[in-house]
């Protein structure tokens, strides 16, 4: 069971699960700290960058929050300060804690941090790494997305929707497949919402657009619907009505 603790310091704060680690410091959020200790396994680019680190809480993923799109050129990794509880990392940490409490397959939250800079703040999040996992996008690129896997994805999404968990960016990069188990990751801006068909269907449409953009239809959208999308919807509807 999570033992949430908060460390408040001048200019920032850290929230962490003391059941996983008795103490978390600002050093934990610096990739150089882990590199100096030969505990930085992988560091990738992309928006913000992600590092896989060996911590006292186990193998974890360190993610720095960074804006995307056109606003990134202006704001970079800065966010407007609106209070500690409304910071991106604290909100995601608490949503992940709720997801874990509900028994849903998401990343296990370890720690989150914000550093305030006047009217703005920067942010980081540490979660437990999902071992031996590949994204659904990678499975698709490898030709390993078939009807049964698509149906399992539908079941996965429905489990979150039944619990009222809304994913702000449901796409094939945020579905992880590990030894037959499926997970949803990256709940930045996600939240728990009252049950509504509108947001659930919008979530599904976003996932469909992602799969099509990644070439799942291979030029034949009707075949995609029959072989992948209908199985996905079947798993989704079956689980929603269970």
Protein backbone atom coordinates (compact mmCIF):
# COMPACT_ATOMS: atom_id res chain seq x y z
CA UNK A 1 0.00 0.00 0.00
CA UNK A 2 1.30 3.46 -0.90
CA UNK A 3 2.76 5.61 1.87
CA UNK A 4 2.68 9.07 0.36
CA UNK A 5 5.11 11.63 1.72
CA UNK A 6 5.92 15.15 0.57
CA UNK A 7 9.22 16.96 0.89
CA UNK A 8 8.78 20.73 0.66
CA UNK A 9 11.81 22.89 0.02
CA UNK A 10 12.39 26.45 -1.09
CA UNK A 11 11.49 26.65 -4.74
CA UNK A 12 9.99 23.21 -5.13
CA UNK A 13 8.63 19.99 -3.70
CA UNK A 14 8.82 16.23 -4.10
CA UNK A 15 6.03 13.74 -3.52
CA UNK A 16 7.02 10.09 -3.24
CA UNK A 17 5.95 6.65 -2.09
CA UNK A 18 7.87 5.92 1.12
CA UNK A 19 6.84 2.28 0.86
CA UNK A 20 9.13 1.99 -2.18
CA UNK A 21 11.94 4.21 -0.92
CA UNK A 22 12.30 5.80 2.51
CA UNK A 23 13.85 8.93 1.05
CA UNK A 24 13.88 10.61 -2.35
CA UNK A 25 16.08 13.65 -3.02
CA UNK A 26 16.39 16.09 -5.89
CA UNK A 27 19.40 14.09 -7.11
CA UNK A 28 17.01 11.33 -8.16
CA UNK A 29 15.67 13.57 -10.93
CA UNK A 30 19.07 14.27 -12.51
CA UNK A 31 20.24 11.77 -15.13
CA UNK A 32 23.85 12.81 -14.41
CA UNK A 33 23.44 11.56 -10.82
CA UNK A 34 22.58 8.08 -12.05
CA UNK A 35 25.19 8.13 -14.82
CA UNK A 36 27.94 8.87 -12.29
CA UNK A 37 26.84 5.78 -10.37
CA UNK A 38 26.65 3.56 -13.45
CA UNK A 39 22.91 3.33 -12.81
CA UNK A 40 21.71 4.97 -16.02
CA UNK A 41 20.83 2.21 -18.47
CA UNK A 42 19.15 3.94 -21.37
CA UNK A 43 18.47 7.55 -22.24
CA UNK A 44 16.33 8.38 -25.24
CA UNK A 45 15.47 11.59 -27.00
CA UNK A 46 12.04 12.72 -28.00
CA UNK A 47 9.96 15.28 -26.16
CA UNK A 48 11.64 15.84 -22.81
CA UNK A 49 13.67 12.65 -22.94
CA UNK A 50 13.33 9.47 -20.90
CA UNK A 51 15.98 7.70 -18.85
CA UNK A 52 15.89 4.16 -17.41
CA UNK A 53 17.58 4.24 -14.01
CA UNK A 54 18.49 1.70 -11.31
CA UNK A 55 17.19 3.10 -8.03
CA UNK A 56 16.71 1.77 -4.49
CA UNK A 57 13.05 1.37 -5.52
CA UNK A 58 14.04 -0.87 -8.45
CA UNK A 59 14.41 -0.19 -12.16
CA UNK A 60 12.53 2.99 -12.97
CA UNK A 61 11.78 5.43 -15.76
CA UNK A 62 12.68 9.09 -15.26
CA UNK A 63 10.71 11.49 -17.44
CA UNK A 64 11.18 15.23 -17.75
CA UNK A 65 8.07 17.14 -18.77
CA UNK A 66 8.47 19.14 -21.93
CA UNK A 67 5.89 20.93 -24.03
CA UNK A 68 5.11 19.80 -27.55
CA UNK A 69 3.81 21.53 -30.63
CA UNK A 70 4.23 25.21 -31.45
CA UNK A 71 4.14 26.35 -27.83
CA UNK A 72 7.36 24.39 -27.18
CA UNK A 73 9.37 27.00 -29.08
CA UNK A 74 8.16 29.65 -26.67
CA UNK A 75 7.82 27.78 -23.36
CA UNK A 76 10.19 24.82 -23.70
CA UNK A 77 9.89 22.84 -20.47
CA UNK A 78 8.19 25.60 -18.44
CA UNK A 79 4.59 25.51 -17.21
CA UNK A 80 2.47 28.26 -15.69
CA UNK A 81 2.33 28.05 -11.89
CA UNK A 82 -1.21 27.57 -10.57
CA UNK A 83 -0.50 25.90 -7.24
CA UNK A 84 1.28 22.73 -6.16
CA UNK A 85 -1.70 20.38 -6.47
CA UNK A 86 -2.29 21.54 -10.04
CA UNK A 87 1.24 20.90 -11.27
CA UNK A 88 1.50 18.29 -14.01
CA UNK A 89 3.74 15.87 -12.07
CA UNK A 90 1.72 15.93 -8.85
CA UNK A 91 -1.53 15.46 -10.76
CA UNK A 92 -0.13 12.52 -12.73
CA UNK A 93 1.44 10.98 -9.61
CA UNK A 94 -1.91 11.01 -7.81
CA UNK A 95 -3.80 9.69 -10.82
CA UNK A 96 -1.32 6.82 -11.14
CA UNK A 97 -1.76 6.10 -7.45
CA UNK A 98 -5.53 5.88 -8.02
CA UNK A 99 -4.99 3.63 -11.03
CA UNK A 100 -2.84 1.34 -8.90
CA UNK A 101 -5.46 1.36 -6.12
CA UNK A 102 -8.11 0.32 -8.65
CA UNK A 103 -5.96 -2.59 -9.78
CA UNK A 104 -5.59 -1.27 -13.32
CA UNK A 105 -2.43 -1.94 -15.36
CA UNK A 106 -0.55 1.34 -15.43
CA UNK A 107 2.89 2.57 -14.38
CA UNK A 108 3.56 2.40 -10.64
CA UNK A 109 4.34 5.92 -9.34
CA UNK A 110 7.56 6.31 -7.37
CA UNK A 111 8.13 10.07 -7.12
CA UNK A 112 7.28 13.41 -8.72
CA UNK A 113 8.90 16.82 -8.47
CA UNK A 114 8.32 20.41 -9.44
CA UNK A 115 10.83 23.27 -9.29
CA UNK A 116 9.29 26.71 -9.22
CA UNK A 117 10.81 29.59 -11.18
CA UNK A 118 8.72 32.68 -10.45
CA UNK A 119 5.47 32.40 -12.37
CA UNK A 120 6.55 29.10 -13.95
CA UNK A 121 7.76 25.66 -12.93
CA UNK A 122 9.57 22.67 -14.42
CA UNK A 123 8.65 19.07 -13.65
CA UNK A 124 9.76 15.44 -13.52
CA UNK A 125 8.19 12.06 -12.80
CA UNK A 126 9.67 8.69 -11.79
CA UNK A 127 7.71 5.46 -12.31
CA UNK A 128 8.58 1.79 -12.06
CA UNK A 129 9.71 0.40 -15.41
CA UNK A 130 7.50 -2.18 -17.10
CA UNK A 131 9.92 -5.00 -17.84
CA UNK A 132 10.44 -6.44 -21.34
CA UNK A 133 7.72 -4.28 -22.83
CA UNK A 134 7.19 -2.96 -26.34
CA UNK A 135 4.71 -0.37 -27.50
CA UNK A 136 1.74 -1.31 -29.62
CA UNK A 137 3.28 0.89 -32.32
CA UNK A 138 6.40 -1.29 -32.26
CA UNK A 139 4.32 -4.44 -32.43
CA UNK A 140 2.49 -3.00 -35.43
CA UNK A 141 5.76 -2.06 -37.17
CA UNK A 142 7.01 -5.62 -36.62
CA UNK A 143 3.86 -7.08 -38.17
CA UNK A 144 2.74 -8.53 -34.83
CA UNK A 145 -0.59 -6.75 -34.41
CA UNK A 146 -3.35 -9.27 -35.11
CA UNK A 147 -6.99 -9.77 -34.20
CA UNK A 148 -6.42 -11.35 -30.76
CA UNK A 149 -4.00 -8.61 -29.72
CA UNK A 150 -6.37 -5.94 -31.04
CA UNK A 151 -9.19 -7.49 -28.99
CA UNK A 152 -6.97 -7.46 -25.90
CA UNK A 153 -6.30 -3.76 -26.48
CA UNK A 154 -10.05 -3.17 -26.56
CA UNK A 155 -10.40 -4.99 -23.24
CA UNK A 156 -7.58 -2.88 -21.78
CA UNK A 157 -9.14 0.43 -22.81
CA UNK A 158 -12.57 -0.65 -21.55
CA UNK A 159 -11.18 -1.48 -18.11
CA UNK A 160 -9.94 2.08 -17.74
CA UNK A 161 -13.12 3.57 -19.17
CA UNK A 162 -15.30 1.57 -16.81
CA UNK A 163 -13.33 3.05 -13.91
CA UNK A 164 -13.76 6.56 -15.35
CA UNK A 165 -10.07 6.99 -16.20
CA UNK A 166 -9.60 9.31 -19.18
CA UNK A 167 -6.31 9.19 -21.08
CA UNK A 168 -5.53 12.53 -22.70
CA UNK A 169 -3.47 11.03 -25.52
CA UNK A 170 -4.62 7.48 -26.18
CA UNK A 171 -2.43 6.27 -29.04
CA UNK A 172 -0.43 3.21 -30.06
CA UNK A 173 2.74 4.57 -28.44
CA UNK A 174 1.07 4.62 -25.02
CA UNK A 175 -0.10 1.00 -25.05
CA UNK A 176 2.59 -1.37 -23.79
CA UNK A 177 2.72 -5.14 -24.39
CA UNK A 178 4.81 -7.25 -22.00
CA UNK A 179 4.73 -11.07 -21.97
CA UNK A 180 1.08 -11.11 -22.96
CA UNK A 181 0.10 -8.42 -20.43
CA UNK A 182 -1.03 -4.99 -21.59
CA UNK A 183 -0.54 -1.61 -19.90
CA UNK A 184 -1.45 2.02 -20.51
CA UNK A 185 1.27 4.59 -19.87
CA UNK A 186 1.78 8.38 -19.93
CA UNK A 187 -1.17 9.81 -18.04
CA UNK A 188 -0.01 13.41 -18.26
CA UNK A 189 -3.18 15.59 -18.28
CA UNK A 190 -5.33 12.48 -17.74
CA UNK A 191 -7.96 12.46 -15.01
CA UNK A 192 -10.85 10.60 -13.51
CA UNK A 193 -14.14 11.69 -15.10
CA UNK A 194 -17.83 10.95 -14.68
CA UNK A 195 -19.00 8.22 -17.09
CA UNK A 196 -19.95 9.72 -20.44
CA UNK A 197 -20.18 8.08 -23.84
CA UNK A 198 -18.79 11.22 -25.53
CA UNK A 199 -15.30 11.18 -24.01
CA UNK A 200 -15.05 7.41 -24.25
CA UNK A 201 -15.84 7.45 -27.97
CA UNK A 202 -13.45 10.36 -28.52
CA UNK A 203 -10.73 8.28 -26.85
CA UNK A 204 -11.41 5.37 -29.20
CA UNK A 205 -11.39 7.63 -32.24
CA UNK A 206 -8.01 9.00 -31.18
CA UNK A 207 -6.62 5.46 -30.92
CA UNK A 208 -8.02 4.59 -34.33
CA UNK A 209 -6.41 7.66 -35.92
CA UNK A 210 -3.10 6.69 -34.35
CA UNK A 211 -3.22 3.18 -35.77
CA UNK A 212 -4.15 4.43 -39.23
CA UNK A 213 -1.41 7.07 -39.14
CA UNK A 214 1.10 4.33 -38.33
CA UNK A 215 0.03 2.34 -41.37
CA UNK A 216 -2.22 -0.30 -39.80
CA UNK A 217 -4.57 -0.14 -42.77
CA UNK A 218 -1.77 -0.70 -45.30
CA UNK A 219 -3.88 1.09 -47.89
CA UNK A 220 -6.98 -1.02 -47.24
CA UNK A 221 -9.12 0.55 -44.53
CA UNK A 222 -11.93 -1.95 -44.97
CA UNK A 223 -9.51 -4.81 -44.25
CA UNK A 224 -8.22 -2.89 -41.22
CA UNK A 225 -11.78 -2.55 -39.93
CA UNK A 226 -12.52 -6.23 -40.36
CA UNK A 227 -9.23 -7.69 -39.14
CA UNK A 228 -8.22 -5.26 -36.38
CA UNK A 229 -10.73 -2.57 -35.50
CA UNK A 230 -13.80 -4.79 -35.17
CA UNK A 231 -11.96 -7.25 -32.87
CA UNK A 232 -10.80 -4.27 -30.81
CA UNK A 233 -14.36 -2.96 -30.53
CA UNK A 234 -15.61 -6.44 -29.71
CA UNK A 235 -13.22 -6.67 -26.76
CA UNK A 236 -14.13 -3.16 -25.70
CA UNK A 237 -17.91 -3.61 -25.83
CA UNK A 238 -17.80 -7.04 -24.20
CA UNK A 239 -15.83 -5.64 -21.27
CA UNK A 240 -17.93 -2.51 -20.94
CA UNK A 241 -21.12 -4.54 -20.74
CA UNK A 242 -19.73 -7.20 -18.37
